Structure formats: C-alpha cells, structure tokens
Amino acid sequence: MLAVGLGLPRTLDQGSTLDLNVQISNGVINVSPINSTLAMGHVNFNLDVGAINTNGLFAKSLKMQTGAGAIHAVANITDHLHLESNSGYIQMDARFVSPLESNEPVRKASIIADDGWIQGSLSSYSTLHVQSRAGPITLDLEPLNISTTTSINDAGVTTLNFVSDFL
C-alpha cells in the first residue's frame, strides 16, 4: 500500500489556484482539505482499480475516473464536473458555486457509471448528463432556472428528484 501526503498551502494569493493531477494503477485516493476555502484549479484523478474519495474539495473543475472501483465525491465546483466509473458506483454530493473570477461559469456536469449505480445530489448546474448502463440512478437535483438535464439508463430505474420549483 502506498500513502502519499501532499503539503498543500493553507491559502493562496488573491486569484491564484492550484492544479492537481493524480494518476495511479491501483489503490485509494483520499482528498480532504484541512482548509476548505483553498481554491483548487483543475483537479484530475485517474485510478485504474480502487476508490477515489473527496470530502470538502473546492475546485474550478473536478474530473474523477476509475476503471474498477467506487467514487465518493463531496465537492464545491465552479465550472466543470466529470465523474466516471467503468465498473463500480458513484456516490456524490456536489454543488456549483460562484467562481472566484467575475465571468459567468459554465456549470456543466457529466456523471457516468458503466456497471454500477449512481446516487446523491447536485445543485446549481446549467447542464447535466447522467448515464448508467447497468444500475439505478437516484439523484436529488436543484438546477438553475435555465438548464438542461439528460438521463440515459440502459438497465435500471431512474429517479430524478427536482427539489426546486420552476417558476
């Protein structure tokens, strides 16, 4: 078993972000920032076999992919979210939040489980594509007023609970 601790700074200069790219063959990736206000930039986790866990991550974009394993994502994102598990499940609690810079964010999410289930919540998105090829999808969703939600499920039940009113 390999354990790696990253000495991340507690704060960054105004407008600065920290990009992170981790790719390993098998194991577990756990990310729990001590200071949840640390602004991450583009965060990419790619794991062939194992689990990826984030708790309290704040990033501009988050991409988590695993070949065979689970994804647990608790995160605040400003632009892009991509979660993909080829043989496993996805448990998530993610929300899009206001960006650090002044331009309007994209707020686009893609959640894909090829051989497993998807469960959790997503809020304040403008575009969502969720897909499961062999398992149920159960999501609590709170989209922006003008948004697009696409769901594809080849072999399971899909339950999308929209928790906001469309006025």
N, C-alpha and C. Protein backbone atom coordinates (compact mmCIF):
# COMPACT_ATOMS: atom_id res chain seq x y z
N MET A 1 0.84 -1.17 0.00
CA MET A 1 0.00 0.00 0.00
C MET A 1 0.89 1.23 0.00
N LEU A 2 0.50 2.20 -0.78
CA LEU A 2 1.24 3.44 -0.90
C LEU A 2 0.40 4.59 -0.35
N ALA A 3 0.95 5.35 0.54
CA ALA A 3 0.26 6.52 1.09
C ALA A 3 1.12 7.74 0.81
N VAL A 4 0.51 8.76 0.26
CA VAL A 4 1.23 9.98 -0.08
C VAL A 4 0.51 11.16 0.54
N GLY A 5 1.26 11.99 1.23
CA GLY A 5 0.70 13.22 1.79
C GLY A 5 1.23 14.40 1.02
N LEU A 6 0.35 15.27 0.58
CA LEU A 6 0.76 16.45 -0.16
C LEU A 6 0.76 17.64 0.78
N GLY A 7 1.83 18.38 0.79
CA GLY A 7 1.89 19.59 1.61
C GLY A 7 1.28 20.75 0.87
N LEU A 8 -0.04 20.85 0.89
CA LEU A 8 -0.73 21.92 0.19
C LEU A 8 -0.73 23.19 1.04
N PRO A 9 -0.62 24.34 0.42
CA PRO A 9 -0.66 25.58 1.18
C PRO A 9 -2.04 25.82 1.77
N ARG A 10 -2.08 26.50 2.91
CA ARG A 10 -3.38 26.80 3.54
C ARG A 10 -4.12 27.91 2.80
N THR A 11 -3.39 28.84 2.22
CA THR A 11 -4.01 29.93 1.46
C THR A 11 -3.18 30.19 0.22
N LEU A 12 -3.80 30.85 -0.74
CA LEU A 12 -3.12 31.26 -1.96
C LEU A 12 -3.30 32.76 -2.13
N ASP A 13 -2.46 33.36 -2.98
CA ASP A 13 -2.62 34.77 -3.28
C ASP A 13 -3.96 34.99 -3.97
N GLN A 14 -4.49 36.19 -3.86
CA GLN A 14 -5.78 36.54 -4.46
C GLN A 14 -5.80 36.15 -5.93
N GLY A 15 -6.79 35.38 -6.36
CA GLY A 15 -6.94 34.98 -7.74
C GLY A 15 -6.11 33.78 -8.15
N SER A 16 -5.25 33.27 -7.28
CA SER A 16 -4.41 32.12 -7.61
C SER A 16 -5.16 30.82 -7.35
N THR A 17 -4.85 29.82 -8.15
CA THR A 17 -5.42 28.49 -7.94
C THR A 17 -4.30 27.46 -8.03
N LEU A 18 -4.57 26.27 -7.54
CA LEU A 18 -3.60 25.19 -7.53
C LEU A 18 -4.17 24.03 -8.33
N ASP A 19 -3.49 23.63 -9.42
CA ASP A 19 -3.92 22.50 -10.23
C ASP A 19 -3.31 21.22 -9.67
N LEU A 20 -4.06 20.11 -9.78
CA LEU A 20 -3.61 18.83 -9.24
C LEU A 20 -3.99 17.72 -10.21
N ASN A 21 -3.02 16.87 -10.56
CA ASN A 21 -3.26 15.75 -11.46
C ASN A 21 -2.65 14.50 -10.83
N VAL A 22 -3.48 13.49 -10.52
CA VAL A 22 -3.02 12.26 -9.89
C VAL A 22 -3.47 11.08 -10.74
N GLN A 23 -2.53 10.21 -11.10
CA GLN A 23 -2.85 9.01 -11.88
C GLN A 23 -2.08 7.84 -11.30
N ILE A 24 -2.81 6.80 -10.83
CA ILE A 24 -2.16 5.61 -10.28
C ILE A 24 -2.88 4.36 -10.78
N SER A 25 -2.19 3.22 -10.68
CA SER A 25 -2.75 1.96 -11.18
C SER A 25 -3.79 1.38 -10.23
N ASN A 26 -3.43 1.17 -8.97
CA ASN A 26 -4.43 0.67 -8.03
C ASN A 26 -4.14 1.19 -6.63
N GLY A 27 -5.23 1.35 -5.88
CA GLY A 27 -5.11 1.89 -4.53
C GLY A 27 -6.31 2.72 -4.18
N VAL A 28 -6.11 3.65 -3.28
CA VAL A 28 -7.18 4.54 -2.82
C VAL A 28 -6.65 5.97 -2.83
N ILE A 29 -7.44 6.88 -3.37
CA ILE A 29 -7.12 8.30 -3.35
C ILE A 29 -8.10 8.97 -2.41
N ASN A 30 -7.60 9.58 -1.34
CA ASN A 30 -8.42 10.32 -0.38
C ASN A 30 -7.97 11.77 -0.37
N VAL A 31 -8.90 12.69 -0.59
CA VAL A 31 -8.59 14.11 -0.55
C VAL A 31 -9.58 14.79 0.39
N SER A 32 -9.07 15.29 1.50
CA SER A 32 -9.87 16.03 2.48
C SER A 32 -9.08 17.26 2.91
N PRO A 33 -9.27 18.38 2.20
CA PRO A 33 -8.51 19.58 2.56
C PRO A 33 -8.81 20.05 3.97
N ILE A 34 -7.77 20.41 4.69
CA ILE A 34 -7.95 20.96 6.04
C ILE A 34 -8.65 22.31 5.95
N ASN A 35 -8.24 23.11 5.00
CA ASN A 35 -8.84 24.42 4.79
C ASN A 35 -9.74 24.33 3.56
N SER A 36 -11.04 24.22 3.75
CA SER A 36 -11.95 24.02 2.63
C SER A 36 -12.07 25.25 1.73
N THR A 37 -11.48 26.38 2.12
CA THR A 37 -11.52 27.56 1.27
C THR A 37 -10.32 27.61 0.32
N LEU A 38 -9.42 26.64 0.40
CA LEU A 38 -8.29 26.60 -0.52
C LEU A 38 -8.82 26.41 -1.94
N ALA A 39 -8.51 27.34 -2.81
CA ALA A 39 -9.04 27.33 -4.17
C ALA A 39 -8.19 26.44 -5.07
N MET A 40 -8.71 25.28 -5.41
CA MET A 40 -8.04 24.41 -6.36
C MET A 40 -8.46 24.83 -7.76
N GLY A 41 -7.60 24.59 -8.72
CA GLY A 41 -7.92 24.89 -10.11
C GLY A 41 -8.53 23.67 -10.77
N HIS A 42 -7.81 23.09 -11.71
CA HIS A 42 -8.26 21.89 -12.40
C HIS A 42 -7.73 20.68 -11.63
N VAL A 43 -8.64 19.84 -11.14
CA VAL A 43 -8.27 18.67 -10.35
C VAL A 43 -8.67 17.44 -11.14
N ASN A 44 -7.70 16.54 -11.36
CA ASN A 44 -7.92 15.35 -12.18
C ASN A 44 -7.39 14.13 -11.43
N PHE A 45 -8.28 13.17 -11.14
CA PHE A 45 -7.90 11.91 -10.51
C PHE A 45 -8.23 10.78 -11.47
N ASN A 46 -7.23 9.95 -11.79
CA ASN A 46 -7.45 8.81 -12.68
C ASN A 46 -6.87 7.58 -11.99
N LEU A 47 -7.72 6.59 -11.74
CA LEU A 47 -7.34 5.41 -10.99
C LEU A 47 -7.84 4.18 -11.73
N ASP A 48 -6.93 3.23 -12.01
CA ASP A 48 -7.34 2.02 -12.73
C ASP A 48 -8.21 1.12 -11.86
N VAL A 49 -7.77 0.80 -10.64
CA VAL A 49 -8.52 -0.08 -9.73
C VAL A 49 -8.46 0.51 -8.33
N GLY A 50 -9.62 0.73 -7.72
CA GLY A 50 -9.65 1.25 -6.35
C GLY A 50 -10.75 2.26 -6.15
N ALA A 51 -10.61 3.07 -5.13
CA ALA A 51 -11.63 4.06 -4.78
C ALA A 51 -11.04 5.47 -4.76
N ILE A 52 -11.86 6.43 -5.15
CA ILE A 52 -11.49 7.84 -5.08
C ILE A 52 -12.49 8.52 -4.15
N ASN A 53 -11.98 9.20 -3.13
CA ASN A 53 -12.82 9.88 -2.15
C ASN A 53 -12.40 11.34 -2.02
N THR A 54 -13.34 12.26 -2.16
CA THR A 54 -13.07 13.66 -1.86
C THR A 54 -14.09 14.12 -0.83
N ASN A 55 -13.63 14.94 0.09
CA ASN A 55 -14.52 15.46 1.12
C ASN A 55 -14.20 16.93 1.35
N GLY A 56 -15.08 17.81 0.92
CA GLY A 56 -14.88 19.23 1.14
C GLY A 56 -13.97 19.90 0.13
N LEU A 57 -13.81 19.32 -1.04
CA LEU A 57 -12.94 19.90 -2.07
C LEU A 57 -13.63 21.09 -2.73
N PHE A 58 -12.89 22.16 -2.97
CA PHE A 58 -13.37 23.34 -3.68
C PHE A 58 -12.47 23.52 -4.89
N ALA A 59 -13.02 23.39 -6.11
CA ALA A 59 -12.19 23.44 -7.31
C ALA A 59 -12.92 24.09 -8.47
N LYS A 60 -12.14 24.59 -9.42
CA LYS A 60 -12.72 25.13 -10.64
C LYS A 60 -13.31 23.99 -11.47
N SER A 61 -12.56 22.92 -11.63
CA SER A 61 -13.08 21.74 -12.32
C SER A 61 -12.57 20.49 -11.62
N LEU A 62 -13.42 19.46 -11.62
CA LEU A 62 -13.08 18.20 -10.97
C LEU A 62 -13.39 17.07 -11.92
N LYS A 63 -12.37 16.23 -12.18
CA LYS A 63 -12.54 15.06 -13.03
C LYS A 63 -12.04 13.85 -12.25
N MET A 64 -12.95 12.90 -12.01
CA MET A 64 -12.60 11.68 -11.27
C MET A 64 -13.00 10.49 -12.14
N GLN A 65 -12.01 9.63 -12.47
CA GLN A 65 -12.27 8.45 -13.29
C GLN A 65 -11.64 7.23 -12.64
N THR A 66 -12.40 6.12 -12.62
CA THR A 66 -11.85 4.86 -12.14
C THR A 66 -12.29 3.73 -13.07
N GLY A 67 -11.38 2.80 -13.32
CA GLY A 67 -11.70 1.66 -14.16
C GLY A 67 -12.56 0.66 -13.43
N ALA A 68 -12.15 0.27 -12.23
CA ALA A 68 -12.91 -0.67 -11.41
C ALA A 68 -12.84 -0.19 -9.98
N GLY A 69 -13.90 0.44 -9.53
CA GLY A 69 -13.91 0.93 -8.17
C GLY A 69 -15.00 1.94 -7.94
N ALA A 70 -14.95 2.55 -6.78
CA ALA A 70 -16.00 3.48 -6.35
C ALA A 70 -15.52 4.92 -6.37
N ILE A 71 -16.47 5.82 -6.54
CA ILE A 71 -16.20 7.24 -6.45
C ILE A 71 -17.14 7.82 -5.39
N HIS A 72 -16.55 8.51 -4.42
CA HIS A 72 -17.30 9.25 -3.40
C HIS A 72 -16.86 10.70 -3.54
N ALA A 73 -17.77 11.58 -3.95
CA ALA A 73 -17.41 12.97 -4.20
C ALA A 73 -18.28 13.92 -3.39
N VAL A 74 -17.65 14.67 -2.49
CA VAL A 74 -18.30 15.77 -1.79
C VAL A 74 -17.47 17.00 -2.16
N ALA A 75 -18.06 17.87 -3.01
CA ALA A 75 -17.25 18.95 -3.57
C ALA A 75 -18.09 20.16 -3.95
N ASN A 76 -17.43 21.31 -3.96
CA ASN A 76 -17.97 22.55 -4.50
C ASN A 76 -17.17 22.88 -5.75
N ILE A 77 -17.86 23.08 -6.86
CA ILE A 77 -17.22 23.26 -8.16
C ILE A 77 -17.72 24.58 -8.76
N THR A 78 -16.87 25.25 -9.55
CA THR A 78 -17.31 26.46 -10.22
C THR A 78 -17.63 26.24 -11.70
N ASP A 79 -16.94 25.35 -12.40
CA ASP A 79 -17.14 25.22 -13.85
C ASP A 79 -17.55 23.82 -14.32
N HIS A 80 -16.68 22.84 -14.19
CA HIS A 80 -16.92 21.51 -14.77
C HIS A 80 -16.79 20.40 -13.73
N LEU A 81 -17.69 19.41 -13.85
CA LEU A 81 -17.63 18.21 -13.01
C LEU A 81 -17.80 17.00 -13.90
N HIS A 82 -16.85 16.06 -13.81
CA HIS A 82 -16.94 14.82 -14.58
C HIS A 82 -16.59 13.66 -13.65
N LEU A 83 -17.56 12.78 -13.41
CA LEU A 83 -17.36 11.58 -12.59
C LEU A 83 -17.65 10.38 -13.46
N GLU A 84 -16.70 9.41 -13.51
CA GLU A 84 -16.89 8.25 -14.37
C GLU A 84 -16.30 7.01 -13.73
N SER A 85 -17.14 5.98 -13.60
CA SER A 85 -16.71 4.69 -13.06
C SER A 85 -17.10 3.61 -14.05
N ASN A 86 -16.10 2.87 -14.56
CA ASN A 86 -16.39 1.83 -15.54
C ASN A 86 -16.99 0.59 -14.91
N SER A 87 -16.57 0.24 -13.71
CA SER A 87 -17.09 -0.94 -13.03
C SER A 87 -17.15 -0.64 -11.54
N GLY A 88 -18.18 0.06 -11.14
CA GLY A 88 -18.31 0.46 -9.74
C GLY A 88 -19.45 1.44 -9.61
N TYR A 89 -19.52 2.10 -8.47
CA TYR A 89 -20.63 3.01 -8.24
C TYR A 89 -20.13 4.42 -7.98
N ILE A 90 -21.07 5.37 -8.03
CA ILE A 90 -20.77 6.77 -7.77
C ILE A 90 -21.73 7.29 -6.71
N GLN A 91 -21.16 7.79 -5.61
CA GLN A 91 -21.93 8.44 -4.54
C GLN A 91 -21.46 9.88 -4.50
N MET A 92 -22.37 10.84 -4.63
CA MET A 92 -21.94 12.23 -4.75
C MET A 92 -22.83 13.20 -3.99
N ASP A 93 -22.24 14.30 -3.58
CA ASP A 93 -22.94 15.46 -3.04
C ASP A 93 -22.15 16.66 -3.52
N ALA A 94 -22.57 17.21 -4.65
CA ALA A 94 -21.80 18.27 -5.29
C ALA A 94 -22.70 19.47 -5.56
N ARG A 95 -22.07 20.63 -5.52
CA ARG A 95 -22.81 21.85 -5.85
C ARG A 95 -21.90 22.78 -6.63
N PHE A 96 -22.51 23.48 -7.57
CA PHE A 96 -21.79 24.52 -8.27
C PHE A 96 -21.94 25.81 -7.48
N VAL A 97 -20.85 26.53 -7.33
CA VAL A 97 -20.82 27.75 -6.53
C VAL A 97 -20.27 28.89 -7.37
N SER A 98 -20.39 30.10 -6.87
CA SER A 98 -19.90 31.28 -7.59
C SER A 98 -18.39 31.17 -7.79
N PRO A 99 -17.92 31.55 -8.96
CA PRO A 99 -16.48 31.45 -9.23
C PRO A 99 -15.70 32.55 -8.53
N LEU A 100 -14.40 32.33 -8.45
CA LEU A 100 -13.53 33.34 -7.87
C LEU A 100 -13.38 34.54 -8.79
N GLU A 101 -13.39 34.29 -10.09
CA GLU A 101 -13.30 35.40 -11.02
C GLU A 101 -14.70 35.88 -11.38
N SER A 102 -14.81 37.00 -12.07
CA SER A 102 -16.10 37.64 -12.28
C SER A 102 -16.89 37.10 -13.47
N ASN A 103 -16.28 36.37 -14.39
CA ASN A 103 -17.02 35.89 -15.55
C ASN A 103 -17.99 34.77 -15.16
N GLU A 104 -19.03 34.60 -15.95
CA GLU A 104 -20.08 33.62 -15.66
C GLU A 104 -19.57 32.20 -15.89
N PRO A 105 -19.75 31.30 -14.94
CA PRO A 105 -19.25 29.94 -15.07
C PRO A 105 -20.10 29.09 -16.01
N VAL A 106 -19.51 27.99 -16.46
CA VAL A 106 -20.18 27.07 -17.36
C VAL A 106 -21.16 26.18 -16.60
N ARG A 107 -20.77 25.65 -15.45
CA ARG A 107 -21.61 24.80 -14.58
C ARG A 107 -22.14 23.57 -15.32
N LYS A 108 -21.22 22.81 -15.88
CA LYS A 108 -21.56 21.63 -16.66
C LYS A 108 -21.10 20.38 -15.93
N ALA A 109 -22.00 19.35 -15.85
CA ALA A 109 -21.68 18.11 -15.15
C ALA A 109 -21.97 16.90 -16.03
N SER A 110 -21.09 15.90 -15.91
CA SER A 110 -21.26 14.62 -16.60
C SER A 110 -20.98 13.51 -15.59
N ILE A 111 -21.98 12.64 -15.36
CA ILE A 111 -21.87 11.56 -14.39
C ILE A 111 -22.16 10.25 -15.13
N ILE A 112 -21.17 9.33 -15.17
CA ILE A 112 -21.31 8.10 -15.95
C ILE A 112 -20.86 6.90 -15.13
N ALA A 113 -21.74 5.89 -15.03
CA ALA A 113 -21.38 4.62 -14.39
C ALA A 113 -21.71 3.51 -15.38
N ASP A 114 -20.68 2.84 -15.89
CA ASP A 114 -20.90 1.79 -16.88
C ASP A 114 -21.49 0.53 -16.27
N ASP A 115 -21.07 0.15 -15.09
CA ASP A 115 -21.52 -1.10 -14.49
C ASP A 115 -21.76 -0.90 -13.00
N GLY A 116 -22.66 0.02 -12.66
CA GLY A 116 -22.92 0.31 -11.26
C GLY A 116 -23.98 1.36 -11.11
N TRP A 117 -24.22 1.78 -9.88
CA TRP A 117 -25.29 2.73 -9.61
C TRP A 117 -24.74 4.13 -9.36
N ILE A 118 -25.65 5.09 -9.46
CA ILE A 118 -25.33 6.50 -9.22
C ILE A 118 -26.34 7.01 -8.19
N GLN A 119 -25.83 7.66 -7.15
CA GLN A 119 -26.72 8.16 -6.10
C GLN A 119 -26.15 9.43 -5.51
N GLY A 120 -27.03 10.37 -5.14
CA GLY A 120 -26.57 11.57 -4.45
C GLY A 120 -27.33 12.80 -4.85
N SER A 121 -26.62 13.94 -4.86
CA SER A 121 -27.26 15.22 -5.16
C SER A 121 -26.32 16.13 -5.94
N LEU A 122 -26.95 17.03 -6.70
CA LEU A 122 -26.21 18.03 -7.47
C LEU A 122 -27.07 19.28 -7.51
N SER A 123 -26.45 20.43 -7.25
CA SER A 123 -27.22 21.67 -7.26
C SER A 123 -26.53 22.76 -8.06
N SER A 124 -27.35 23.70 -8.54
CA SER A 124 -26.93 24.92 -9.24
C SER A 124 -26.18 24.65 -10.54
N TYR A 125 -26.59 23.62 -11.28
CA TYR A 125 -25.95 23.32 -12.56
C TYR A 125 -26.76 23.91 -13.71
N SER A 126 -26.09 24.11 -14.86
CA SER A 126 -26.80 24.54 -16.06
C SER A 126 -26.97 23.39 -17.03
N THR A 127 -26.02 22.45 -17.07
CA THR A 127 -26.12 21.28 -17.95
C THR A 127 -25.69 20.04 -17.19
N LEU A 128 -26.53 18.99 -17.28
CA LEU A 128 -26.21 17.71 -16.64
C LEU A 128 -26.48 16.59 -17.61
N HIS A 129 -25.50 15.70 -17.75
CA HIS A 129 -25.67 14.45 -18.48
C HIS A 129 -25.35 13.34 -17.49
N VAL A 130 -26.33 12.48 -17.21
CA VAL A 130 -26.12 11.37 -16.29
C VAL A 130 -26.48 10.08 -17.03
N GLN A 131 -25.61 9.06 -16.88
CA GLN A 131 -25.79 7.82 -17.63
C GLN A 131 -25.35 6.62 -16.82
N SER A 132 -26.20 5.57 -16.83
CA SER A 132 -25.85 4.30 -16.21
C SER A 132 -26.22 3.19 -17.17
N ARG A 133 -25.32 2.25 -17.37
CA ARG A 133 -25.59 1.16 -18.30
C ARG A 133 -26.13 -0.08 -17.60
N ALA A 134 -25.93 -0.20 -16.28
CA ALA A 134 -26.35 -1.44 -15.61
C ALA A 134 -26.72 -1.23 -14.15
N GLY A 135 -27.35 -0.14 -13.83
CA GLY A 135 -27.72 0.08 -12.44
C GLY A 135 -28.64 1.26 -12.29
N PRO A 136 -29.21 1.43 -11.11
CA PRO A 136 -30.15 2.52 -10.89
C PRO A 136 -29.46 3.88 -10.75
N ILE A 137 -30.23 4.92 -11.05
CA ILE A 137 -29.81 6.31 -10.86
C ILE A 137 -30.80 6.95 -9.90
N THR A 138 -30.31 7.49 -8.79
CA THR A 138 -31.17 8.21 -7.84
C THR A 138 -30.46 9.50 -7.47
N LEU A 139 -31.00 10.62 -7.94
CA LEU A 139 -30.36 11.91 -7.70
C LEU A 139 -31.38 12.95 -7.25
N ASP A 140 -30.99 13.75 -6.26
CA ASP A 140 -31.72 14.96 -5.89
C ASP A 140 -31.06 16.10 -6.63
N LEU A 141 -31.83 16.81 -7.45
CA LEU A 141 -31.27 17.82 -8.33
C LEU A 141 -31.89 19.18 -8.05
N GLU A 142 -31.05 20.20 -8.10
CA GLU A 142 -31.50 21.57 -7.97
C GLU A 142 -30.81 22.39 -9.06
N PRO A 143 -31.37 22.35 -10.28
CA PRO A 143 -30.74 23.05 -11.40
C PRO A 143 -30.99 24.55 -11.35
N LEU A 144 -30.24 25.28 -12.17
CA LEU A 144 -30.53 26.70 -12.37
C LEU A 144 -31.85 26.81 -13.12
N ASN A 145 -32.44 28.01 -13.15
CA ASN A 145 -33.73 28.19 -13.82
C ASN A 145 -33.68 27.81 -15.29
N ILE A 146 -32.61 28.16 -15.98
CA ILE A 146 -32.45 27.78 -17.38
C ILE A 146 -31.38 26.70 -17.40
N SER A 147 -31.82 25.45 -17.63
CA SER A 147 -30.88 24.34 -17.55
C SER A 147 -31.33 23.20 -18.45
N THR A 148 -30.42 22.24 -18.66
CA THR A 148 -30.69 21.05 -19.44
C THR A 148 -30.27 19.84 -18.63
N THR A 149 -31.18 18.86 -18.53
CA THR A 149 -30.88 17.61 -17.82
C THR A 149 -31.14 16.46 -18.77
N THR A 150 -30.12 15.62 -19.00
CA THR A 150 -30.25 14.44 -19.86
C THR A 150 -29.91 13.22 -19.05
N SER A 151 -30.80 12.21 -19.10
CA SER A 151 -30.57 10.97 -18.35
C SER A 151 -30.74 9.78 -19.27
N ILE A 152 -29.76 8.86 -19.25
CA ILE A 152 -29.81 7.63 -20.04
C ILE A 152 -29.56 6.48 -19.08
N ASN A 153 -30.45 5.50 -19.09
CA ASN A 153 -30.29 4.34 -18.22
C ASN A 153 -30.67 3.10 -19.02
N ASP A 154 -29.70 2.25 -19.32
CA ASP A 154 -29.93 1.08 -20.17
C ASP A 154 -30.59 -0.07 -19.43
N ALA A 155 -30.33 -0.24 -18.13
CA ALA A 155 -30.84 -1.43 -17.43
C ALA A 155 -31.12 -1.17 -15.96
N GLY A 156 -31.87 -0.14 -15.67
CA GLY A 156 -32.17 0.15 -14.27
C GLY A 156 -33.22 1.23 -14.15
N VAL A 157 -33.61 1.51 -12.94
CA VAL A 157 -34.62 2.52 -12.64
C VAL A 157 -33.94 3.87 -12.45
N THR A 158 -34.55 4.91 -13.01
CA THR A 158 -34.04 6.27 -12.85
C THR A 158 -35.02 7.08 -12.01
N THR A 159 -34.51 7.68 -10.94
CA THR A 159 -35.32 8.56 -10.10
C THR A 159 -34.59 9.89 -9.97
N LEU A 160 -35.15 10.92 -10.58
CA LEU A 160 -34.59 12.26 -10.50
C LEU A 160 -35.56 13.13 -9.71
N ASN A 161 -35.17 13.54 -8.53
CA ASN A 161 -35.99 14.38 -7.66
C ASN A 161 -35.55 15.82 -7.81
N PHE A 162 -36.39 16.63 -8.44
CA PHE A 162 -36.07 18.05 -8.60
C PHE A 162 -36.58 18.78 -7.36
N VAL A 163 -35.67 19.35 -6.59
CA VAL A 163 -36.04 19.94 -5.31
C VAL A 163 -36.38 21.42 -5.38
N SER A 164 -36.27 22.03 -6.56
CA SER A 164 -36.63 23.44 -6.68
C SER A 164 -37.84 23.56 -7.60
N ASP A 165 -38.57 24.64 -7.44
CA ASP A 165 -39.72 24.91 -8.30
C ASP A 165 -39.25 25.67 -9.52
N PHE A 166 -39.83 25.32 -10.66
CA PHE A 166 -39.53 26.04 -11.90
C PHE A 166 -40.60 27.10 -12.08
N LEU A 167 -40.25 28.35 -11.87
CA LEU A 167 -41.23 29.44 -11.96
C LEU A 167 -40.99 30.23 -13.22
